[in-house]
């Protein structure tokens, strides 16, 4: 198995490690990542969501790029 890539600064939002095709992938809670940005960096909610979508989930760092989950379709639709 190959090593997972981790998202720096989002340790509190790490849910676990997933595996797909012998590749380890770090799995994060998107909402908790947003909370980290709000609390740690002083962003408002909308800024944090935009930052996540553009700078974090919009980045590809190779085969082990982390996955960011939203727990419900309602949460996804609110964004």
N, C-alpha and C. Protein backbone atom coordinates (compact mmCIF):
# COMPACT_ATOMS: atom_id res chain seq x y z
N UNK A 1 0.84 -1.18 0.00
CA UNK A 1 0.00 0.00 0.00
C UNK A 1 0.89 1.24 0.00
N UNK A 2 0.40 2.25 -0.68
CA UNK A 2 1.17 3.48 -0.72
C UNK A 2 0.65 4.46 0.33
N UNK A 3 1.51 5.34 0.80
CA UNK A 3 1.19 6.23 1.90
C UNK A 3 0.22 7.34 1.55
N UNK A 4 -0.65 7.63 2.48
CA UNK A 4 -1.64 8.68 2.30
C UNK A 4 -0.98 10.05 2.37
N UNK A 5 -1.55 11.01 1.64
CA UNK A 5 -1.16 12.41 1.73
C UNK A 5 -2.10 13.06 2.74
N UNK A 6 -1.57 13.86 3.63
CA UNK A 6 -2.39 14.51 4.65
C UNK A 6 -2.51 16.00 4.38
N UNK A 7 -3.63 16.58 4.75
CA UNK A 7 -3.87 18.01 4.59
C UNK A 7 -3.34 18.74 5.83
N UNK A 8 -2.30 19.50 5.64
CA UNK A 8 -1.67 20.22 6.75
C UNK A 8 -2.65 21.14 7.45
N UNK A 9 -2.67 21.08 8.77
CA UNK A 9 -3.49 21.99 9.56
C UNK A 9 -4.91 21.52 9.82
N UNK A 10 -5.28 20.37 9.26
CA UNK A 10 -6.64 19.87 9.44
C UNK A 10 -6.68 18.56 10.22
N UNK A 11 -5.72 18.37 11.11
CA UNK A 11 -5.64 17.12 11.88
C UNK A 11 -6.93 16.83 12.65
N UNK A 12 -7.58 17.87 13.19
CA UNK A 12 -8.82 17.67 13.96
C UNK A 12 -9.97 17.17 13.10
N UNK A 13 -9.87 17.36 11.79
CA UNK A 13 -10.95 16.97 10.89
C UNK A 13 -10.71 15.62 10.22
N UNK A 14 -9.58 14.98 10.53
CA UNK A 14 -9.27 13.67 9.95
C UNK A 14 -10.22 12.63 10.51
N UNK A 15 -10.93 11.94 9.62
CA UNK A 15 -11.90 10.92 10.01
C UNK A 15 -11.24 9.55 10.04
N UNK A 16 -10.34 9.30 9.09
CA UNK A 16 -9.68 8.01 9.01
C UNK A 16 -8.93 7.88 7.71
N UNK A 17 -8.53 6.65 7.42
CA UNK A 17 -7.81 6.34 6.19
C UNK A 17 -8.65 5.36 5.38
N UNK A 18 -8.90 5.71 4.14
CA UNK A 18 -9.61 4.81 3.23
C UNK A 18 -8.60 4.13 2.33
N UNK A 19 -9.01 3.06 1.70
CA UNK A 19 -8.14 2.35 0.77
C UNK A 19 -8.90 2.07 -0.51
N UNK A 20 -8.27 2.41 -1.63
CA UNK A 20 -8.85 2.12 -2.94
C UNK A 20 -7.73 1.63 -3.85
N UNK A 21 -7.90 0.46 -4.39
CA UNK A 21 -6.91 -0.10 -5.32
C UNK A 21 -5.50 -0.05 -4.74
N UNK A 22 -5.36 -0.53 -3.51
CA UNK A 22 -4.07 -0.58 -2.82
C UNK A 22 -3.43 0.79 -2.58
N UNK A 23 -4.26 1.83 -2.56
CA UNK A 23 -3.79 3.18 -2.29
C UNK A 23 -4.47 3.69 -1.03
N UNK A 24 -3.67 4.13 -0.07
CA UNK A 24 -4.22 4.71 1.15
C UNK A 24 -4.58 6.17 0.90
N UNK A 25 -5.76 6.56 1.36
CA UNK A 25 -6.25 7.92 1.15
C UNK A 25 -6.78 8.48 2.47
N UNK A 26 -6.25 9.63 2.87
CA UNK A 26 -6.75 10.30 4.07
C UNK A 26 -8.15 10.81 3.81
N UNK A 27 -9.04 10.63 4.79
CA UNK A 27 -10.44 11.03 4.65
C UNK A 27 -10.74 12.08 5.72
N UNK A 28 -11.23 13.23 5.28
CA UNK A 28 -11.52 14.35 6.17
C UNK A 28 -13.00 14.71 6.12
N UNK A 29 -13.48 15.27 7.21
CA UNK A 29 -14.83 15.81 7.30
C UNK A 29 -14.77 17.26 6.80
N UNK A 30 -15.43 17.53 5.67
CA UNK A 30 -15.42 18.86 5.07
C UNK A 30 -15.90 19.93 6.06
N UNK A 31 -17.00 19.64 6.74
CA UNK A 31 -17.56 20.60 7.69
C UNK A 31 -16.62 20.92 8.83
N UNK A 32 -15.92 19.91 9.32
CA UNK A 32 -14.94 20.16 10.38
C UNK A 32 -13.77 20.98 9.87
N UNK A 33 -13.38 20.77 8.61
CA UNK A 33 -12.31 21.59 8.02
C UNK A 33 -12.74 23.05 7.97
N UNK A 34 -13.99 23.28 7.59
CA UNK A 34 -14.53 24.64 7.56
C UNK A 34 -14.47 25.23 8.98
N UNK A 35 -14.87 24.44 9.96
CA UNK A 35 -14.82 24.91 11.36
C UNK A 35 -13.40 25.29 11.77
N UNK A 36 -12.41 24.51 11.34
CA UNK A 36 -11.01 24.82 11.65
C UNK A 36 -10.65 26.19 11.09
N UNK A 37 -11.02 26.44 9.85
CA UNK A 37 -10.69 27.73 9.23
C UNK A 37 -11.39 28.89 9.93
N UNK A 38 -12.62 28.68 10.35
CA UNK A 38 -13.37 29.72 11.07
C UNK A 38 -12.70 30.00 12.41
N UNK A 39 -12.41 28.95 13.17
CA UNK A 39 -11.88 29.13 14.52
C UNK A 39 -10.40 29.52 14.52
N UNK A 40 -9.60 28.84 13.70
CA UNK A 40 -8.16 29.06 13.72
C UNK A 40 -7.76 30.33 12.97
N UNK A 41 -8.40 30.55 11.81
CA UNK A 41 -7.97 31.65 10.94
C UNK A 41 -8.90 32.85 10.95
N UNK A 42 -10.00 32.75 11.69
CA UNK A 42 -10.91 33.88 11.81
C UNK A 42 -11.73 34.18 10.57
N UNK A 43 -11.85 33.20 9.66
CA UNK A 43 -12.68 33.40 8.47
C UNK A 43 -14.14 33.31 8.86
N UNK A 44 -15.00 33.96 8.09
CA UNK A 44 -16.42 33.70 8.29
C UNK A 44 -16.76 32.42 7.52
N UNK A 45 -17.97 31.92 7.73
CA UNK A 45 -18.35 30.62 7.16
C UNK A 45 -18.20 30.60 5.63
N UNK A 46 -18.70 31.62 4.96
CA UNK A 46 -18.66 31.66 3.50
C UNK A 46 -17.23 31.70 2.98
N UNK A 47 -16.38 32.49 3.64
CA UNK A 47 -14.97 32.55 3.25
C UNK A 47 -14.30 31.19 3.41
N UNK A 48 -14.62 30.52 4.51
CA UNK A 48 -14.01 29.22 4.78
C UNK A 48 -14.44 28.17 3.75
N UNK A 49 -15.72 28.18 3.40
CA UNK A 49 -16.21 27.24 2.38
C UNK A 49 -15.52 27.53 1.04
N UNK A 50 -15.46 28.79 0.66
CA UNK A 50 -14.81 29.15 -0.60
C UNK A 50 -13.34 28.74 -0.59
N UNK A 51 -12.66 28.99 0.52
CA UNK A 51 -11.25 28.60 0.64
C UNK A 51 -11.11 27.10 0.47
N UNK A 52 -11.95 26.34 1.16
CA UNK A 52 -11.90 24.87 1.07
C UNK A 52 -12.10 24.42 -0.37
N UNK A 53 -13.11 24.95 -1.03
CA UNK A 53 -13.44 24.48 -2.38
C UNK A 53 -12.36 24.86 -3.39
N UNK A 54 -11.77 26.01 -3.25
CA UNK A 54 -10.78 26.45 -4.24
C UNK A 54 -9.38 25.92 -3.93
N UNK A 55 -8.96 26.09 -2.68
CA UNK A 55 -7.56 25.80 -2.31
C UNK A 55 -7.31 24.39 -1.80
N UNK A 56 -8.33 23.73 -1.31
CA UNK A 56 -8.12 22.43 -0.69
C UNK A 56 -8.72 21.32 -1.55
N UNK A 57 -10.04 21.29 -1.67
CA UNK A 57 -10.65 20.21 -2.46
C UNK A 57 -10.38 20.39 -3.95
N UNK A 58 -10.02 21.59 -4.35
CA UNK A 58 -9.70 21.84 -5.75
C UNK A 58 -8.26 21.55 -6.12
N UNK A 59 -7.48 21.03 -5.17
CA UNK A 59 -6.07 20.73 -5.41
C UNK A 59 -5.86 19.23 -5.60
N UNK A 60 -5.04 18.88 -6.56
CA UNK A 60 -4.67 17.49 -6.78
C UNK A 60 -3.21 17.33 -6.41
N UNK A 61 -2.92 16.41 -5.49
CA UNK A 61 -1.54 16.21 -5.04
C UNK A 61 -1.05 14.79 -5.36
N UNK A 62 -1.65 14.18 -6.35
CA UNK A 62 -1.22 12.85 -6.76
C UNK A 62 -2.26 11.80 -6.44
N UNK A 63 -1.86 10.55 -6.66
CA UNK A 63 -2.77 9.42 -6.46
C UNK A 63 -3.32 9.33 -5.05
N UNK A 64 -2.63 9.90 -4.10
CA UNK A 64 -3.05 9.81 -2.70
C UNK A 64 -3.72 11.10 -2.22
N UNK A 65 -4.28 11.87 -3.14
CA UNK A 65 -4.96 13.11 -2.78
C UNK A 65 -6.06 12.82 -1.75
N UNK A 66 -6.10 13.56 -0.65
CA UNK A 66 -7.13 13.32 0.37
C UNK A 66 -8.55 13.49 -0.17
N UNK A 67 -9.47 12.86 0.52
CA UNK A 67 -10.89 12.95 0.21
C UNK A 67 -11.57 13.74 1.33
N UNK A 68 -12.51 14.62 0.96
CA UNK A 68 -13.24 15.44 1.92
C UNK A 68 -14.71 15.11 1.78
N UNK A 69 -15.30 14.56 2.85
CA UNK A 69 -16.68 14.09 2.76
C UNK A 69 -17.64 15.08 3.39
N UNK A 70 -18.83 15.10 2.82
CA UNK A 70 -19.96 15.81 3.40
C UNK A 70 -20.93 14.71 3.80
N UNK A 71 -21.43 14.77 5.00
CA UNK A 71 -22.16 13.65 5.59
C UNK A 71 -23.56 13.45 5.07
N UNK A 72 -24.14 14.47 4.46
CA UNK A 72 -25.51 14.33 3.97
C UNK A 72 -25.69 15.16 2.72
N UNK A 73 -26.67 14.80 1.92
CA UNK A 73 -26.97 15.57 0.72
C UNK A 73 -27.44 16.98 1.10
N UNK A 74 -28.10 17.11 2.24
CA UNK A 74 -28.55 18.43 2.69
C UNK A 74 -27.36 19.34 2.96
N UNK A 75 -26.33 18.80 3.61
CA UNK A 75 -25.14 19.59 3.89
C UNK A 75 -24.47 20.00 2.58
N UNK A 76 -24.41 19.09 1.63
CA UNK A 76 -23.83 19.38 0.33
C UNK A 76 -24.62 20.48 -0.39
N UNK A 77 -25.94 20.38 -0.36
CA UNK A 77 -26.78 21.34 -1.06
C UNK A 77 -26.74 22.73 -0.43
N UNK A 78 -26.38 22.84 0.84
CA UNK A 78 -26.30 24.14 1.51
C UNK A 78 -25.11 24.95 1.03
N UNK A 79 -24.13 24.29 0.47
CA UNK A 79 -22.90 24.99 0.07
C UNK A 79 -23.04 25.71 -1.24
